[in-house]
Amino acid sequence: METGVLLVLGALAFTVLVGGIELWLARHSRRELARRASVPLHPLSRREEMPRLRSSSTRRRLRYVGLFVGFLIVTYVGLVLLKIVYSVVESWF
């Protein structure tokens, strides 16, 4: 039970971390794109930020759910392989 809780907490932390990094990268690239925008016709007409283009919230949610489930699956497979390796090494000694 404790292992399952730790896996779920790890998966949640991983998903939140990936979401934060994606958000930071999206904002950073948007600023860079705004800086390299076309030459303004009038200095007062230039806006500092480009209009926001939001992706589908359903698509974003599905992606994060996929990251969460993927983390759980990879971690579970890793634990099973670790147990197999441990039992093989233990049988040698």
Protein backbone atom coordinates (compact mmCIF):
# COMPACT_ATOMS: atom_id res chain seq x y z
CA MET A 1 0.00 0.00 0.00
CA GLU A 2 2.76 2.42 0.90
CA THR A 3 4.56 1.69 -2.37
CA GLY A 4 1.41 2.48 -4.33
CA VAL A 5 0.95 5.79 -2.53
CA LEU A 6 4.58 6.69 -3.18
CA LEU A 7 4.20 5.82 -6.87
CA VAL A 8 1.07 7.95 -7.18
CA LEU A 9 2.74 10.89 -5.41
CA GLY A 10 5.81 10.53 -7.63
CA ALA A 11 3.62 10.45 -10.74
CA LEU A 12 1.74 13.56 -9.60
CA ALA A 13 5.00 15.38 -8.89
CA PHE A 14 6.35 14.37 -12.30
CA THR A 15 3.18 15.56 -14.06
CA VAL A 16 3.20 18.91 -12.25
CA LEU A 17 6.90 19.37 -12.99
CA VAL A 18 6.41 18.67 -16.70
CA GLY A 19 3.43 21.02 -16.80
CA GLY A 20 5.44 23.79 -15.16
CA ILE A 21 8.32 23.35 -17.57
CA GLU A 22 5.96 23.41 -20.55
CA LEU A 23 4.30 26.57 -19.27
CA TRP A 24 7.66 28.27 -18.77
CA LEU A 25 8.86 27.25 -22.24
CA ALA A 26 5.63 28.43 -23.87
CA ARG A 27 5.88 31.84 -22.24
CA HIS A 28 9.57 32.12 -23.08
CA SER A 29 9.05 31.24 -26.74
CA ARG A 30 6.09 33.64 -26.98
CA ARG A 31 8.29 36.51 -25.73
CA GLU A 32 11.04 35.60 -28.18
CA LEU A 33 8.53 35.50 -31.01
CA ALA A 34 7.15 38.89 -30.02
CA ARG A 35 10.64 40.38 -30.05
CA ARG A 36 11.33 39.07 -33.52
CA ALA A 37 7.97 40.17 -34.90
CA SER A 38 7.78 42.22 -38.07
CA VAL A 39 8.89 45.83 -38.14
CA PRO A 40 6.13 48.05 -36.72
CA LEU A 41 4.68 50.75 -38.90
CA HIS A 42 4.43 53.10 -35.95
CA PRO A 43 6.40 52.85 -32.69
CA LEU A 44 3.24 53.16 -30.58
CA SER A 45 1.46 50.37 -32.41
CA ARG A 46 3.83 47.65 -31.28
CA ARG A 47 2.51 45.38 -28.58
CA GLU A 48 4.83 43.61 -26.20
CA GLU A 49 3.06 40.26 -26.37
CA MET A 50 1.47 38.33 -29.17
CA PRO A 51 -2.14 37.25 -28.83
CA ARG A 52 -2.55 34.01 -26.96
CA LEU A 53 -3.19 30.88 -28.93
CA ARG A 54 -4.61 28.31 -26.56
CA SER A 55 -4.63 24.67 -27.37
CA SER A 56 -7.63 22.56 -26.63
CA SER A 57 -8.01 22.06 -22.88
CA THR A 58 -9.26 18.50 -23.46
CA ARG A 59 -6.15 17.67 -25.46
CA ARG A 60 -3.95 19.17 -22.74
CA ARG A 61 -5.75 17.21 -20.02
CA LEU A 62 -5.40 13.97 -21.96
CA ARG A 63 -1.69 14.63 -22.39
CA TYR A 64 -1.18 15.11 -18.66
CA VAL A 65 -3.23 12.02 -17.86
CA GLY A 66 -1.06 10.14 -20.34
CA LEU A 67 2.09 11.43 -18.63
CA PHE A 68 0.71 10.36 -15.24
CA VAL A 69 -0.22 6.87 -16.41
CA GLY A 70 3.02 6.50 -18.36
CA PHE A 71 5.07 7.38 -15.31
CA LEU A 72 3.19 4.79 -13.26
CA ILE A 73 3.68 2.09 -15.90
CA VAL A 74 7.39 2.80 -16.39
CA THR A 75 8.00 2.88 -12.65
CA TYR A 76 6.09 -0.37 -12.13
CA VAL A 77 8.03 -2.12 -14.89
CA GLY A 78 11.27 -0.77 -13.40
CA LEU A 79 10.35 -2.13 -9.97
CA VAL A 80 9.50 -5.55 -11.41
CA LEU A 81 12.81 -5.68 -13.29
CA LEU A 82 14.65 -4.59 -10.16
CA LYS A 83 13.02 -7.39 -8.16
CA ILE A 84 14.00 -9.92 -10.86
CA VAL A 85 17.60 -8.72 -10.88
CA TYR A 86 17.68 -8.75 -7.07
CA SER A 87 16.40 -12.33 -6.92
CA VAL A 88 18.94 -13.46 -9.55
CA VAL A 89 21.84 -11.79 -7.72
CA GLU A 90 20.60 -13.14 -4.40
CA SER A 91 20.56 -16.70 -5.75
CA TRP A 92 24.25 -16.40 -6.69
CA PHE A 93 25.29 -15.65 -3.13
